[in-house]
Amino acid sequence: MSHRRGAGNRASSLCPCRFKPSAARADTDPVSLTLNPPTRIAALVGAIVLAGVAAVVFLLGRGAISGEPAAVATPTTVTKTAPRETPTPKAVAPRVASGFPAKIDHALRYSRVVVVSISMPGAAVDAVVRREARAAAKASRAGFVAISAANERAVSILVATTGVLPSPAVVIVKRPGVVASTFSVTDAGTIAQAVAQARR
């Protein structure tokens, strides 16, 4: 008995260390992986900002690569059209109440002096005088009116305004209805001189 007790005392004296819990047990405590509210908000804002920056960089880089020019508004010019100029009518002398037949009165509107030839149709001498009167009027740039002696109404008006007419007859009339000269059988030169005299 004393031998066993002595052996036990010897064993206890040889291993005086105490037992400690193993270190592995200290790492088995659960760790919380949840974030507190302020940290969560900051992380969300950061993610949004990063996403916006990435989108801007992507769009800018795409525009620089494509090289498409930006649309530029071209100014529109308004041209004003000039008003059309209305052509002025050719100056015409006012209508005169000459008292002569209508053909002579109309000729006096365009010519200051008019050569009137009264001749019988078919008469040879009358035809010659009519040609001379027409040629003189053309050379003198005067008006010309040929009236048939068979036109009783026109002849009666001429007789009333000029007096007795020879046959054939050439009458020089100037505006507004004045008889300047009267001839019977005559030539173009004489008629032209009478026209020049009437213009003075």
N, C-alpha and C. Protein backbone atom coordinates (compact mmCIF):
# COMPACT_ATOMS: atom_id res chain seq x y z
N MET A 1 0.82 -1.18 0.00
CA MET A 1 0.00 0.00 0.00
C MET A 1 0.86 1.24 0.00
N SER A 2 1.80 1.25 0.76
CA SER A 2 2.67 2.40 0.83
C SER A 2 3.42 2.57 -0.46
N HIS A 3 3.62 1.48 -1.12
CA HIS A 3 4.33 1.55 -2.41
C HIS A 3 3.48 2.20 -3.44
N ARG A 4 2.20 1.89 -3.56
CA ARG A 4 1.27 2.50 -4.53
C ARG A 4 1.08 3.97 -4.25
N ARG A 5 0.97 4.28 -2.96
CA ARG A 5 0.74 5.68 -2.63
C ARG A 5 1.96 6.49 -3.01
N GLY A 6 3.10 5.94 -2.79
CA GLY A 6 4.32 6.64 -3.14
C GLY A 6 4.43 6.84 -4.63
N ALA A 7 3.95 5.84 -5.38
CA ALA A 7 4.00 5.97 -6.85
C ALA A 7 3.08 7.03 -7.33
N GLY A 8 1.96 7.16 -6.70
CA GLY A 8 0.99 8.21 -7.13
C GLY A 8 1.52 9.57 -6.81
N ASN A 9 2.18 9.68 -5.65
CA ASN A 9 2.73 10.99 -5.31
C ASN A 9 3.83 11.38 -6.29
N ARG A 10 4.60 10.36 -6.71
CA ARG A 10 5.67 10.63 -7.66
C ARG A 10 5.12 11.10 -8.99
N ALA A 11 3.99 10.51 -9.43
CA ALA A 11 3.41 10.89 -10.71
C ALA A 11 2.88 12.29 -10.65
N SER A 12 2.32 12.65 -9.51
CA SER A 12 1.76 13.99 -9.40
C SER A 12 2.85 15.02 -9.30
N SER A 13 3.97 14.62 -8.74
CA SER A 13 5.07 15.57 -8.65
C SER A 13 5.78 15.72 -9.98
N LEU A 14 5.70 14.76 -10.83
CA LEU A 14 6.37 14.84 -12.14
C LEU A 14 5.56 15.70 -13.13
N CYS A 15 4.29 15.83 -13.05
CA CYS A 15 3.44 16.62 -14.00
C CYS A 15 2.63 17.64 -13.26
N PRO A 16 3.30 18.74 -12.89
CA PRO A 16 2.60 19.75 -12.09
C PRO A 16 1.73 20.67 -12.94
N CYS A 17 1.65 20.58 -14.37
CA CYS A 17 0.91 21.54 -15.25
C CYS A 17 -0.57 21.36 -15.14
N ARG A 18 -1.29 22.48 -15.39
CA ARG A 18 -2.75 22.48 -15.39
C ARG A 18 -3.28 22.44 -16.82
N PHE A 19 -4.43 21.88 -16.97
CA PHE A 19 -5.06 21.78 -18.32
C PHE A 19 -5.83 23.05 -18.66
N LYS A 20 -5.59 23.64 -19.90
CA LYS A 20 -6.31 24.84 -20.38
C LYS A 20 -7.20 24.45 -21.54
N PRO A 21 -8.22 25.16 -21.70
CA PRO A 21 -9.08 24.85 -22.87
C PRO A 21 -8.32 25.06 -24.16
N SER A 22 -8.60 24.25 -25.15
CA SER A 22 -7.87 24.32 -26.43
C SER A 22 -8.16 25.63 -27.17
N ALA A 23 -7.10 26.07 -27.93
CA ALA A 23 -7.23 27.35 -28.67
C ALA A 23 -8.28 27.29 -29.76
N ALA A 24 -8.53 26.09 -30.26
CA ALA A 24 -9.52 25.94 -31.34
C ALA A 24 -10.89 26.34 -30.88
N ARG A 25 -11.15 26.20 -29.57
CA ARG A 25 -12.47 26.53 -29.06
C ARG A 25 -12.70 28.04 -29.09
N ALA A 26 -11.64 28.86 -29.01
CA ALA A 26 -11.80 30.31 -28.99
C ALA A 26 -12.23 30.85 -30.35
N ASP A 27 -11.93 30.14 -31.48
CA ASP A 27 -12.28 30.64 -32.83
C ASP A 27 -13.62 30.17 -33.31
N THR A 28 -14.33 29.44 -32.50
CA THR A 28 -15.63 28.90 -32.92
C THR A 28 -16.78 29.83 -32.64
N ASP A 29 -16.51 31.07 -32.11
CA ASP A 29 -17.63 32.00 -31.84
C ASP A 29 -18.19 32.55 -33.17
N PRO A 30 -19.49 32.62 -33.33
CA PRO A 30 -20.09 33.10 -34.60
C PRO A 30 -19.80 34.58 -34.84
N VAL A 31 -19.48 34.98 -36.14
CA VAL A 31 -19.19 36.37 -36.53
C VAL A 31 -20.38 36.93 -37.33
N SER A 32 -20.83 38.11 -36.98
CA SER A 32 -21.97 38.72 -37.66
C SER A 32 -21.52 39.36 -38.98
N LEU A 33 -22.17 38.98 -40.13
CA LEU A 33 -21.84 39.50 -41.46
C LEU A 33 -22.77 40.64 -41.90
N THR A 34 -23.72 41.04 -41.13
CA THR A 34 -24.66 42.13 -41.49
C THR A 34 -24.02 43.48 -41.24
N LEU A 35 -24.39 44.53 -42.15
CA LEU A 35 -23.85 45.88 -42.04
C LEU A 35 -24.85 46.76 -41.31
N ASN A 36 -24.32 47.68 -40.59
CA ASN A 36 -25.20 48.62 -39.90
C ASN A 36 -25.78 49.61 -40.92
N PRO A 37 -26.89 50.32 -40.68
CA PRO A 37 -27.58 51.19 -41.65
C PRO A 37 -26.70 52.27 -42.25
N PRO A 38 -25.88 53.04 -41.51
CA PRO A 38 -25.06 54.08 -42.18
C PRO A 38 -24.10 53.50 -43.20
N THR A 39 -23.50 52.37 -42.89
CA THR A 39 -22.57 51.74 -43.84
C THR A 39 -23.30 51.27 -45.08
N ARG A 40 -24.51 50.76 -44.89
CA ARG A 40 -25.29 50.28 -46.03
C ARG A 40 -25.65 51.44 -46.98
N ILE A 41 -26.03 52.59 -46.45
CA ILE A 41 -26.40 53.75 -47.29
C ILE A 41 -25.19 54.27 -48.06
N ALA A 42 -24.05 54.33 -47.37
CA ALA A 42 -22.83 54.81 -48.02
C ALA A 42 -22.43 53.90 -49.18
N ALA A 43 -22.59 52.59 -48.98
CA ALA A 43 -22.24 51.64 -50.03
C ALA A 43 -23.17 51.78 -51.24
N LEU A 44 -24.47 52.02 -50.97
CA LEU A 44 -25.45 52.18 -52.05
C LEU A 44 -25.16 53.45 -52.87
N VAL A 45 -24.87 54.54 -52.19
CA VAL A 45 -24.56 55.80 -52.89
C VAL A 45 -23.29 55.65 -53.73
N GLY A 46 -22.30 55.00 -53.19
CA GLY A 46 -21.06 54.78 -53.93
C GLY A 46 -21.28 53.96 -55.19
N ALA A 47 -22.14 52.95 -55.09
CA ALA A 47 -22.42 52.12 -56.25
C ALA A 47 -23.12 52.91 -57.34
N ILE A 48 -24.06 53.79 -56.94
CA ILE A 48 -24.78 54.63 -57.93
C ILE A 48 -23.83 55.59 -58.62
N VAL A 49 -22.94 56.22 -57.84
CA VAL A 49 -21.98 57.17 -58.41
C VAL A 49 -21.05 56.47 -59.40
N LEU A 50 -20.58 55.28 -59.03
CA LEU A 50 -19.69 54.54 -59.91
C LEU A 50 -20.39 54.16 -61.21
N ALA A 51 -21.67 53.78 -61.10
CA ALA A 51 -22.43 53.41 -62.30
C ALA A 51 -22.60 54.61 -63.21
N GLY A 52 -22.90 55.82 -62.65
CA GLY A 52 -23.05 57.03 -63.46
C GLY A 52 -21.76 57.41 -64.15
N VAL A 53 -20.63 57.34 -63.45
CA VAL A 53 -19.34 57.69 -64.05
C VAL A 53 -19.02 56.73 -65.20
N ALA A 54 -19.31 55.47 -64.99
CA ALA A 54 -19.04 54.48 -66.04
C ALA A 54 -19.89 54.75 -67.28
N ALA A 55 -21.17 55.15 -67.08
CA ALA A 55 -22.04 55.44 -68.22
C ALA A 55 -21.55 56.66 -69.00
N VAL A 56 -21.12 57.71 -68.28
CA VAL A 56 -20.62 58.92 -68.96
C VAL A 56 -19.36 58.61 -69.76
N VAL A 57 -18.45 57.85 -69.15
CA VAL A 57 -17.21 57.49 -69.85
C VAL A 57 -17.51 56.66 -71.09
N PHE A 58 -18.50 55.76 -70.98
CA PHE A 58 -18.87 54.92 -72.12
C PHE A 58 -19.45 55.75 -73.26
N LEU A 59 -20.35 56.67 -72.93
CA LEU A 59 -20.97 57.49 -73.97
C LEU A 59 -19.97 58.43 -74.63
N LEU A 60 -19.10 59.05 -73.83
CA LEU A 60 -18.09 59.96 -74.40
C LEU A 60 -17.12 59.20 -75.30
N GLY A 61 -16.73 58.06 -74.85
CA GLY A 61 -15.81 57.25 -75.66
C GLY A 61 -16.46 56.79 -76.94
N ARG A 62 -17.75 56.47 -76.90
CA ARG A 62 -18.44 56.03 -78.11
C ARG A 62 -18.59 57.16 -79.12
N GLY A 63 -18.89 58.38 -78.60
CA GLY A 63 -19.02 59.52 -79.51
C GLY A 63 -17.69 59.88 -80.14
N ALA A 64 -16.61 59.79 -79.40
CA ALA A 64 -15.30 60.12 -79.97
C ALA A 64 -14.88 59.11 -81.03
N ILE A 65 -15.29 57.84 -80.85
CA ILE A 65 -14.91 56.80 -81.80
C ILE A 65 -15.72 56.92 -83.08
N SER A 66 -17.04 57.15 -82.91
CA SER A 66 -17.89 57.22 -84.10
C SER A 66 -17.55 58.41 -84.98
N GLY A 67 -17.14 59.54 -84.39
CA GLY A 67 -16.74 60.71 -85.16
C GLY A 67 -17.88 61.37 -85.90
N GLU A 68 -19.12 61.17 -85.46
CA GLU A 68 -20.26 61.79 -86.14
C GLU A 68 -20.34 63.25 -85.72
N PRO A 69 -20.38 64.19 -86.67
CA PRO A 69 -20.45 65.61 -86.29
C PRO A 69 -21.80 65.94 -85.71
N ALA A 70 -21.79 66.87 -84.80
CA ALA A 70 -23.04 67.30 -84.18
C ALA A 70 -23.84 68.11 -85.17
N ALA A 71 -25.14 67.97 -85.09
CA ALA A 71 -26.01 68.68 -86.01
C ALA A 71 -25.97 70.17 -85.70
N VAL A 72 -25.68 70.95 -86.75
CA VAL A 72 -25.59 72.40 -86.59
C VAL A 72 -26.74 73.02 -87.36
N ALA A 73 -27.48 73.88 -86.70
CA ALA A 73 -28.62 74.52 -87.35
C ALA A 73 -28.12 75.59 -88.30
N THR A 74 -28.47 75.43 -89.57
CA THR A 74 -28.04 76.41 -90.58
C THR A 74 -29.04 77.55 -90.60
N PRO A 75 -28.57 78.80 -90.57
CA PRO A 75 -29.51 79.92 -90.58
C PRO A 75 -30.17 80.05 -91.95
N THR A 76 -31.47 80.30 -91.93
CA THR A 76 -32.21 80.46 -93.18
C THR A 76 -32.29 81.93 -93.51
N THR A 77 -31.93 82.24 -94.75
CA THR A 77 -31.97 83.63 -95.18
C THR A 77 -33.28 83.89 -95.91
N VAL A 78 -33.94 84.97 -95.57
CA VAL A 78 -35.20 85.35 -96.20
C VAL A 78 -34.92 86.43 -97.22
N THR A 79 -35.20 86.11 -98.48
CA THR A 79 -34.96 87.07 -99.54
C THR A 79 -36.26 87.80 -99.85
N LYS A 80 -36.15 89.08 -99.92
CA LYS A 80 -37.32 89.90 -100.23
C LYS A 80 -37.35 90.15 -101.74
N THR A 81 -38.48 89.81 -102.31
CA THR A 81 -38.62 90.03 -103.74
C THR A 81 -39.01 91.47 -104.00
N ALA A 82 -38.33 92.05 -104.95
CA ALA A 82 -38.62 93.44 -105.30
C ALA A 82 -39.97 93.52 -105.99
N PRO A 83 -40.76 94.54 -105.68
CA PRO A 83 -42.08 94.65 -106.33
C PRO A 83 -41.92 94.86 -107.83
N ARG A 84 -42.83 94.27 -108.56
CA ARG A 84 -42.78 94.38 -110.01
C ARG A 84 -43.14 95.79 -110.44
N GLU A 85 -42.39 96.26 -111.40
CA GLU A 85 -42.67 97.59 -111.92
C GLU A 85 -43.69 97.47 -113.04
N THR A 86 -44.78 98.18 -112.87
CA THR A 86 -45.80 98.15 -113.90
C THR A 86 -45.38 99.07 -115.04
N PRO A 87 -45.41 98.55 -116.26
CA PRO A 87 -44.98 99.39 -117.39
C PRO A 87 -45.90 100.58 -117.56
N THR A 88 -45.31 101.72 -117.75
CA THR A 88 -46.11 102.93 -117.95
C THR A 88 -46.68 102.93 -119.36
N PRO A 89 -47.94 103.21 -119.47
CA PRO A 89 -48.53 103.22 -120.81
C PRO A 89 -47.93 104.31 -121.68
N LYS A 90 -47.94 104.03 -122.96
CA LYS A 90 -47.38 104.99 -123.90
C LYS A 90 -48.21 106.27 -123.88
N ALA A 91 -47.49 107.36 -123.84
CA ALA A 91 -48.17 108.64 -123.75
C ALA A 91 -49.03 108.87 -124.99
N VAL A 92 -50.30 109.12 -124.75
CA VAL A 92 -51.25 109.38 -125.83
C VAL A 92 -51.89 110.73 -125.56
N ALA A 93 -52.00 111.52 -126.61
CA ALA A 93 -52.62 112.84 -126.45
C ALA A 93 -54.07 112.68 -126.04
N PRO A 94 -54.57 113.57 -125.22
CA PRO A 94 -55.98 113.48 -124.81
C PRO A 94 -56.91 113.58 -126.01
N ARG A 95 -58.02 112.89 -125.90
CA ARG A 95 -58.99 112.90 -127.01
C ARG A 95 -59.52 114.32 -127.20
N VAL A 96 -59.58 114.71 -128.44
CA VAL A 96 -60.03 116.07 -128.75
C VAL A 96 -61.40 116.00 -129.44
N ALA A 97 -62.23 116.95 -129.11
CA ALA A 97 -63.52 117.06 -129.79
C ALA A 97 -63.33 118.01 -130.96
N SER A 98 -62.81 117.45 -132.05
CA SER A 98 -62.43 118.30 -133.19
C SER A 98 -63.62 118.73 -134.03
N GLY A 99 -64.70 117.98 -133.98
CA GLY A 99 -65.84 118.28 -134.83
C GLY A 99 -65.73 117.65 -136.20
N PHE A 100 -64.62 116.95 -136.46
CA PHE A 100 -64.41 116.26 -137.73
C PHE A 100 -64.97 114.83 -137.62
N PRO A 101 -65.03 114.12 -138.76
CA PRO A 101 -65.45 112.71 -138.69
C PRO A 101 -64.56 111.91 -137.72
N ALA A 102 -65.09 110.78 -137.28
CA ALA A 102 -64.43 109.98 -136.23
C ALA A 102 -63.03 109.55 -136.62
N LYS A 103 -62.80 109.20 -137.89
CA LYS A 103 -61.46 108.76 -138.31
C LYS A 103 -60.44 109.88 -138.14
N ILE A 104 -60.81 111.11 -138.49
CA ILE A 104 -59.89 112.24 -138.34
C ILE A 104 -59.68 112.57 -136.86
N ASP A 105 -60.75 112.53 -136.11
CA ASP A 105 -60.66 112.82 -134.68
C ASP A 105 -59.74 111.80 -133.98
N HIS A 106 -59.82 110.54 -134.37
CA HIS A 106 -58.96 109.49 -133.80
C HIS A 106 -57.50 109.72 -134.19
N ALA A 107 -57.25 110.12 -135.43
CA ALA A 107 -55.88 110.37 -135.89
C ALA A 107 -55.25 111.54 -135.15
N LEU A 108 -56.02 112.53 -134.78
CA LEU A 108 -55.50 113.70 -134.06
C LEU A 108 -55.06 113.34 -132.63
N ARG A 109 -55.50 112.22 -132.10
CA ARG A 109 -55.05 111.79 -130.77
C ARG A 109 -53.59 111.35 -130.80
N TYR A 110 -53.12 110.86 -131.94
CA TYR A 110 -51.77 110.31 -132.04
C TYR A 110 -50.83 111.21 -132.85
N SER A 111 -51.36 112.12 -133.64
CA SER A 111 -50.52 113.00 -134.46
C SER A 111 -51.01 114.44 -134.30
N ARG A 112 -50.05 115.32 -134.19
CA ARG A 112 -50.41 116.74 -134.04
C ARG A 112 -51.00 117.30 -135.33
N VAL A 113 -50.50 116.80 -136.49
CA VAL A 113 -50.99 117.23 -137.80
C VAL A 113 -51.42 116.00 -138.58
N VAL A 114 -52.58 116.11 -139.28
CA VAL A 114 -53.13 114.99 -140.04
C VAL A 114 -53.41 115.46 -141.47
N VAL A 115 -53.00 114.62 -142.43
CA VAL A 115 -53.28 114.87 -143.84
C VAL A 115 -54.52 114.07 -144.23
N VAL A 116 -55.56 114.77 -144.70
CA VAL A 116 -56.83 114.12 -145.07
C VAL A 116 -56.98 114.20 -146.58
N SER A 117 -57.21 113.01 -147.20
CA SER A 117 -57.41 112.92 -148.65
C SER A 117 -58.85 112.52 -148.93
N ILE A 118 -59.58 113.36 -149.69
CA ILE A 118 -60.96 113.05 -150.08
C ILE A 118 -60.94 112.81 -151.58
N SER A 119 -61.31 111.58 -152.00
CA SER A 119 -61.22 111.21 -153.42
C SER A 119 -62.39 110.32 -153.80
N MET A 120 -62.71 110.37 -155.09
CA MET A 120 -63.79 109.54 -155.62
C MET A 120 -63.21 108.19 -156.03
N PRO A 121 -63.78 107.07 -155.53
CA PRO A 121 -63.27 105.76 -155.91
C PRO A 121 -63.39 105.53 -157.42
N GLY A 122 -62.32 105.01 -158.05
CA GLY A 122 -62.31 104.69 -159.47
C GLY A 122 -61.79 105.81 -160.34
N ALA A 123 -61.66 107.03 -159.82
CA ALA A 123 -61.17 108.16 -160.64
C ALA A 123 -59.65 108.13 -160.64
N ALA A 124 -59.06 108.22 -161.83
CA ALA A 124 -57.60 108.09 -161.95
C ALA A 124 -56.88 109.26 -161.30
N VAL A 125 -57.33 110.47 -161.53
CA VAL A 125 -56.67 111.63 -160.95
C VAL A 125 -56.78 111.60 -159.42
N ASP A 126 -57.92 111.24 -158.93
CA ASP A 126 -58.13 111.15 -157.47
C ASP A 126 -57.18 110.13 -156.84
N ALA A 127 -56.93 109.03 -157.55
CA ALA A 127 -56.02 108.00 -157.04
C ALA A 127 -54.59 108.54 -156.95
N VAL A 128 -54.19 109.36 -157.96
CA VAL A 128 -52.84 109.93 -157.95
C VAL A 128 -52.69 110.89 -156.77
N VAL A 129 -53.67 111.75 -156.57
CA VAL A 129 -53.62 112.73 -155.47
C VAL A 129 -53.58 112.00 -154.12
N ARG A 130 -54.34 110.93 -154.03
CA ARG A 130 -54.36 110.16 -152.76
C ARG A 130 -52.98 109.58 -152.47
N ARG A 131 -52.30 109.07 -153.52
CA ARG A 131 -50.96 108.51 -153.32
C ARG A 131 -49.96 109.59 -152.91
N GLU A 132 -50.05 110.77 -153.53
CA GLU A 132 -49.16 111.87 -153.19
C GLU A 132 -49.39 112.33 -151.73
N ALA A 133 -50.64 112.37 -151.33
CA ALA A 133 -50.95 112.78 -149.96
C ALA A 133 -50.43 111.76 -148.94
N ARG A 134 -50.56 110.50 -149.26
CA ARG A 134 -50.05 109.45 -148.35
C ARG A 134 -48.53 109.53 -148.24
N ALA A 135 -47.86 109.71 -149.36
CA ALA A 135 -46.39 109.79 -149.36
C ALA A 135 -45.91 111.01 -148.57
N ALA A 136 -46.59 112.15 -148.72
CA ALA A 136 -46.19 113.35 -147.99
C ALA A 136 -46.39 113.17 -146.48
N ALA A 137 -47.48 112.54 -146.08
CA ALA A 137 -47.73 112.30 -144.66
C ALA A 137 -46.68 111.37 -144.06
N LYS A 138 -46.29 110.34 -144.80
CA LYS A 138 -45.27 109.40 -144.30
C LYS A 138 -43.92 110.08 -144.18
N ALA A 139 -43.55 110.91 -145.20
CA ALA A 139 -42.27 111.59 -145.16
C ALA A 139 -42.22 112.64 -144.05
N SER A 140 -43.34 113.26 -143.76
CA SER A 140 -43.40 114.31 -142.73
C SER A 140 -43.74 113.76 -141.35
N ARG A 141 -43.94 112.44 -141.25
CA ARG A 141 -44.35 111.79 -139.99
C ARG A 141 -45.62 112.42 -139.43
N ALA A 142 -46.56 112.63 -140.30
CA ALA A 142 -47.86 113.16 -139.92
C ALA A 142 -48.90 112.04 -140.04
N GLY A 143 -50.06 112.27 -139.47
CA GLY A 143 -51.13 111.30 -139.61
C GLY A 143 -51.74 111.36 -141.00
N PHE A 144 -52.40 110.26 -141.42
CA PHE A 144 -53.04 110.23 -142.75
C PHE A 144 -54.39 109.55 -142.63
N VAL A 145 -55.40 110.18 -143.27
CA VAL A 145 -56.75 109.62 -143.30
C VAL A 145 -57.27 109.77 -144.73
N ALA A 146 -57.75 108.66 -145.31
CA ALA A 146 -58.37 108.67 -146.64
C ALA A 146 -59.87 108.51 -146.47
N ILE A 147 -60.63 109.42 -147.06
CA ILE A 147 -62.09 109.38 -146.96
C ILE A 147 -62.65 109.34 -148.39
N SER A 148 -63.60 108.43 -148.57
CA SER A 148 -64.25 108.31 -149.88
C SER A 148 -65.27 109.43 -150.06
N ALA A 149 -65.26 110.02 -151.25
CA ALA A 149 -66.24 111.08 -151.56
C ALA A 149 -67.66 110.54 -151.61
N ALA A 150 -67.79 109.19 -151.72
CA ALA A 150 -69.11 108.57 -151.73
C ALA A 150 -69.72 108.48 -150.34
N ASN A 151 -68.93 108.72 -149.30
CA ASN A 151 -69.43 108.69 -147.92
C ASN A 151 -70.06 110.07 -147.64
N GLU A 152 -71.37 110.14 -147.89
CA GLU A 152 -72.07 111.42 -147.80
C GLU A 152 -72.01 112.00 -146.39
N ARG A 153 -72.13 111.16 -145.38
CA ARG A 153 -72.14 111.67 -144.00
C ARG A 153 -70.81 112.30 -143.66
N ALA A 154 -69.68 111.62 -143.97
CA ALA A 154 -68.36 112.16 -143.68
C ALA A 154 -68.09 113.43 -144.48
N VAL A 155 -68.49 113.43 -145.76
CA VAL A 155 -68.25 114.59 -146.62
C VAL A 155 -69.06 115.78 -146.13
N SER A 156 -70.28 115.55 -145.69
CA SER A 156 -71.11 116.66 -145.19
C SER A 156 -70.50 117.29 -143.94
N ILE A 157 -69.89 116.46 -143.06
CA ILE A 157 -69.24 117.00 -141.87
C ILE A 157 -68.03 117.82 -142.28
N LEU A 158 -67.25 117.35 -143.27
CA LEU A 158 -66.08 118.09 -143.74
C LEU A 158 -66.49 119.41 -144.38
N VAL A 159 -67.53 119.40 -145.17
CA VAL A 159 -68.00 120.63 -145.81
C VAL A 159 -68.45 121.63 -144.75
N ALA A 160 -69.09 121.12 -143.68
CA ALA A 160 -69.56 122.02 -142.62
C ALA A 160 -68.41 122.63 -141.85
N THR A 161 -67.29 121.96 -141.74
CA THR A 161 -66.16 122.48 -140.97
C THR A 161 -65.13 123.21 -141.83
N THR A 162 -65.03 122.88 -143.12
CA THR A 162 -63.99 123.48 -143.96
C THR A 162 -64.55 124.38 -145.05
N GLY A 163 -65.81 124.25 -145.39
CA GLY A 163 -66.38 125.02 -146.51
C GLY A 163 -66.46 124.13 -147.73
N VAL A 164 -66.53 124.77 -148.90
CA VAL A 164 -66.66 124.04 -150.16
C VAL A 164 -65.36 123.31 -150.44
N LEU A 165 -65.45 122.02 -150.79
CA LEU A 165 -64.28 121.19 -151.05
C LEU A 165 -64.14 120.97 -152.55
N PRO A 166 -62.91 121.05 -153.04
CA PRO A 166 -62.69 120.68 -154.46
C PRO A 166 -62.73 119.17 -154.61
N SER A 167 -62.68 118.68 -155.81
CA SER A 167 -62.67 117.25 -156.08
C SER A 167 -61.56 116.95 -157.09
N PRO A 168 -60.53 116.20 -156.70
CA PRO A 168 -60.23 115.68 -155.34
C PRO A 168 -59.76 116.80 -154.41
N ALA A 169 -59.63 116.46 -153.11
CA ALA A 169 -59.24 117.47 -152.14
C ALA A 169 -58.24 116.88 -151.14
N VAL A 170 -57.32 117.74 -150.69
CA VAL A 170 -56.38 117.38 -149.62
C VAL A 170 -56.49 118.48 -148.56
N VAL A 171 -56.78 118.08 -147.32
CA VAL A 171 -56.98 119.03 -146.23
C VAL A 171 -55.94 118.75 -145.15
N ILE A 172 -55.22 119.77 -144.71
CA ILE A 172 -54.27 119.64 -143.60
C ILE A 172 -54.96 120.13 -142.33
N VAL A 173 -55.09 119.23 -141.36
CA VAL A 173 -55.78 119.53 -140.10
C VAL A 173 -54.78 119.38 -138.96
N LYS A 174 -54.79 120.34 -138.04
CA LYS A 174 -53.91 120.23 -136.87
C LYS A 174 -54.75 120.27 -135.60
N ARG A 175 -54.19 119.70 -134.55
CA ARG A 175 -54.86 119.62 -133.25
C ARG A 175 -55.08 121.02 -132.69
N PRO A 176 -56.25 121.29 -132.10
CA PRO A 176 -57.33 120.37 -131.73
C PRO A 176 -58.41 120.19 -132.79
N GLY A 177 -58.24 120.73 -133.99
CA GLY A 177 -59.24 120.58 -135.04
C GLY A 177 -59.33 121.82 -135.89
N VAL A 178 -58.17 122.31 -136.27
CA VAL A 178 -58.09 123.54 -137.06
C VAL A 178 -57.62 123.18 -138.47
N VAL A 179 -58.30 123.72 -139.47
CA VAL A 179 -57.90 123.50 -140.86
C VAL A 179 -56.75 124.44 -141.18
N ALA A 180 -55.61 123.86 -141.56
CA ALA A 180 -54.43 124.67 -141.86
C ALA A 180 -54.34 125.00 -143.35
N SER A 181 -54.62 124.02 -144.22
CA SER A 181 -54.52 124.24 -145.68
C SER A 181 -55.50 123.32 -146.39
N THR A 182 -55.86 123.74 -147.62
CA THR A 182 -56.73 122.94 -148.47
C THR A 182 -56.18 122.99 -149.90
N PHE A 183 -56.07 121.80 -150.52
CA PHE A 183 -55.52 121.71 -151.88
C PHE A 183 -56.47 120.88 -152.74
N SER A 184 -56.30 121.05 -154.06
CA SER A 184 -57.00 120.20 -155.01
C SER A 184 -55.98 119.24 -155.60
N VAL A 185 -55.68 119.31 -156.86
CA VAL A 185 -54.67 118.45 -157.46
C VAL A 185 -53.31 119.03 -157.10
N THR A 186 -52.48 118.26 -156.40
CA THR A 186 -51.19 118.74 -155.93
C THR A 186 -50.22 117.58 -155.80
N ASP A 187 -48.98 117.88 -155.43
CA ASP A 187 -47.95 116.84 -155.32
C ASP A 187 -47.52 116.68 -153.87
N ALA A 188 -46.66 115.67 -153.62
CA ALA A 188 -46.24 115.35 -152.25
C ALA A 188 -45.39 116.46 -151.65
N GLY A 189 -44.56 117.13 -152.45
CA GLY A 189 -43.71 118.18 -151.92
C GLY A 189 -44.50 119.34 -151.36
N THR A 190 -45.53 119.73 -152.07
CA THR A 190 -46.38 120.85 -151.61
C THR A 190 -47.10 120.48 -150.34
N ILE A 191 -47.58 119.28 -150.29
CA ILE A 191 -48.29 118.82 -149.07
C ILE A 191 -47.34 118.78 -147.89
N ALA A 192 -46.09 118.31 -148.10
CA ALA A 192 -45.11 118.24 -147.00
C ALA A 192 -44.78 119.63 -146.47
N GLN A 193 -44.69 120.63 -147.35
CA GLN A 193 -44.44 121.99 -146.91
C GLN A 193 -45.58 122.53 -146.06
N ALA A 194 -46.82 122.18 -146.45
CA ALA A 194 -47.99 122.61 -145.68
C ALA A 194 -48.00 121.96 -144.29
N VAL A 195 -47.54 120.73 -144.19
CA VAL A 195 -47.47 120.06 -142.90
C VAL A 195 -46.44 120.75 -142.01
N ALA A 196 -45.28 121.06 -142.57
CA ALA A 196 -44.25 121.75 -141.80
C ALA A 196 -44.73 123.11 -141.32
N GLN A 197 -45.48 123.82 -142.19
CA GLN A 197 -46.02 125.13 -141.81
C GLN A 197 -47.04 124.99 -140.68
N ALA A 198 -47.84 123.92 -140.70
CA ALA A 198 -48.86 123.72 -139.67
C ALA A 198 -48.25 123.41 -138.32
N ARG A 199 -47.05 122.87 -138.29
CA ARG A 199 -46.41 122.52 -137.01
C ARG A 199 -45.77 123.75 -136.31
N ARG A 200 -45.66 124.84 -136.99
CA ARG A 200 -45.04 126.01 -136.38
C ARG A 200 -45.98 126.71 -135.40
